[in-house]
Protein backbone atom coordinates (compact mmCIF):
# COMPACT_ATOMS: atom_id res chain seq x y z
CA MET A 1 -30.63 -134.97 8.19
CA ASN A 2 -29.69 -136.30 11.57
CA ARG A 3 -25.62 -136.15 10.33
CA ALA A 4 -25.46 -132.73 8.89
CA VAL A 5 -27.76 -131.39 12.06
CA VAL A 6 -24.73 -133.98 14.18
CA ASP A 7 -21.69 -132.59 11.29
CA SER A 8 -23.07 -129.28 11.74
CA ALA A 9 -23.22 -128.73 15.63
CA GLU A 10 -19.66 -129.74 15.48
CA PHE A 11 -18.49 -127.26 12.81
CA CYS A 12 -20.20 -124.90 15.60
CA LYS A 13 -18.60 -126.01 17.80
CA GLY A 14 -14.84 -126.40 16.71
CA THR A 15 -15.10 -122.93 15.36
CA THR A 16 -16.75 -122.13 19.43
CA GLU A 17 -13.82 -123.67 20.81
CA LYS A 18 -11.59 -121.79 18.14
CA VAL A 19 -12.85 -118.91 18.73
CA ASN A 20 -12.10 -119.20 23.17
CA LYS A 21 -9.00 -119.21 22.27
CA LEU A 22 -8.31 -116.33 20.58
CA THR A 23 -9.86 -114.47 22.76
CA ALA A 24 -7.95 -116.26 25.10
CA ASP A 25 -4.71 -115.75 22.94
CA THR A 26 -5.40 -112.19 22.68
CA THR A 27 -6.37 -111.18 25.97
CA THR A 28 -2.85 -112.39 26.69
CA PHE A 29 -1.24 -111.29 24.68
CA MET A 30 -2.94 -107.19 25.13
CA GLU A 31 -2.42 -107.88 28.94
CA ASN A 32 1.61 -108.47 28.44
CA PHE A 33 1.80 -105.76 26.46
CA GLN A 34 -0.20 -103.17 28.50
CA THR A 35 2.47 -104.74 31.66
CA THR A 36 5.61 -104.37 29.92
CA PHE A 37 4.38 -100.87 27.86
CA ASN A 38 3.81 -99.85 31.89
CA SER A 39 7.50 -101.11 32.70
CA ASN A 40 8.79 -99.34 29.88
CA THR A 41 7.01 -96.29 30.61
CA MET A 42 8.43 -96.02 34.22
CA THR A 43 11.52 -96.58 33.82
CA ALA A 44 11.90 -94.08 30.95
CA ASN A 45 9.91 -91.69 33.00
CA ASP A 46 12.91 -93.06 35.93
CA ALA A 47 15.17 -91.80 33.00
CA LEU A 48 13.87 -88.79 32.34
CA LYS A 49 13.78 -87.10 35.68
CA SER A 50 17.27 -88.24 36.26
CA LEU A 51 19.06 -86.65 33.03
CA GLY A 52 17.13 -83.48 33.88
CA SER A 53 18.45 -83.93 37.46
CA LEU A 54 22.06 -83.94 35.83
CA PHE A 55 21.01 -80.57 33.60
CA LYS A 56 19.61 -78.74 36.05
CA THR A 57 23.10 -79.44 37.88
CA LYS A 58 25.13 -79.13 34.96
CA LYS A 59 23.14 -75.78 34.49
CA THR A 60 23.66 -74.54 37.99
CA LYS A 61 27.17 -74.91 37.56
CA LEU A 62 28.19 -73.71 34.44
CA GLN A 63 26.07 -70.18 35.56
CA GLU A 64 28.05 -70.48 38.90
CA ILE A 65 31.07 -70.55 35.71
CA ARG A 66 29.74 -67.86 34.06
CA THR A 67 29.10 -65.99 36.92
CA GLY A 68 32.61 -66.02 37.95
CA LEU A 69 34.29 -65.23 34.58
CA LYS A 70 32.28 -62.21 34.32
CA THR A 71 32.87 -61.09 37.83
CA ASP A 72 36.91 -61.69 37.16
CA HIS A 73 36.68 -60.00 33.41
CA GLU A 74 35.16 -56.80 35.07
CA ALA A 75 38.21 -57.08 37.61
CA PHE A 76 40.38 -57.09 35.16
CA ARG A 77 41.82 -54.49 33.99
CA PRO A 78 44.93 -54.91 31.50
CA PRO A 79 47.71 -52.46 30.74
CA SER A 80 46.59 -50.17 28.46
CA PRO A 81 49.07 -50.33 24.79
CA LEU A 82 49.81 -46.66 25.13
CA LYS A 83 51.27 -46.77 28.25
CA PHE A 84 53.91 -49.26 28.11
CA PRO A 85 54.68 -49.47 23.95
CA SER A 86 56.11 -52.61 24.97
CA PHE A 87 53.19 -54.51 25.67
CA LYS A 88 52.46 -55.53 21.89
CA MET A 89 55.38 -56.98 21.37
CA ASN A 90 55.34 -58.73 24.25
CA TRP A 91 52.24 -60.82 23.68
CA GLN A 92 53.48 -61.96 20.56
CA ARG A 93 56.38 -63.06 22.52
CA ARG A 94 54.25 -64.62 24.95
CA VAL A 95 51.82 -65.81 21.51
CA LEU A 96 55.50 -67.50 20.04
CA TRP A 97 56.50 -69.50 22.85
CA ARG A 98 53.58 -71.34 23.69
CA TRP A 99 52.75 -72.03 20.77
CA GLY A 100 56.42 -73.30 21.01
CA LEU A 101 58.56 -70.73 18.49
CA SER A 102 61.51 -69.27 20.11
CA PRO A 103 60.69 -65.60 18.66
CA PRO A 104 63.34 -64.20 16.76
CA ASP A 105 65.63 -61.48 19.15
CA ARG A 106 65.63 -58.61 17.87
CA ASP A 107 68.15 -56.71 15.56
CA ARG A 108 70.67 -54.83 17.74
CA SER A 109 73.35 -54.61 15.79
CA ALA A 110 71.03 -51.79 13.57
CA GLY A 111 69.42 -50.42 15.94
CA ALA A 112 65.79 -51.56 15.00
CA SER A 113 63.46 -54.02 16.37
CA LYS A 114 62.14 -56.98 14.18
CA TRP A 115 58.64 -56.69 15.45
CA VAL A 116 56.05 -54.95 14.29
CA ASN A 117 54.68 -51.44 16.59
CA ASP A 118 57.10 -51.77 19.73
């Protein structure tokens, strides 16, 4: 019977050591996890603050550009095509020229224009 008690005591001692080691390992893991989590959270928060600041700056610049464009648009008064019949023809020539296409010349011999609404 003494042998059974000794074996039981050794088993309990071994089990207690394993449980204590498991508890210590788990505690170490949780502490490391918490430290890493806090560090990553702080890094992510800093990155988000920086990104938010960048977006606010860009938004402000875009609003300034929008205001400037709106002011320019309101100030711009294009000539009326009714007052200048060649306005559309000149516009067509500019578009073709910008795209690298040369507009067709007027057919002066026939006295007619190859441009529509000229």
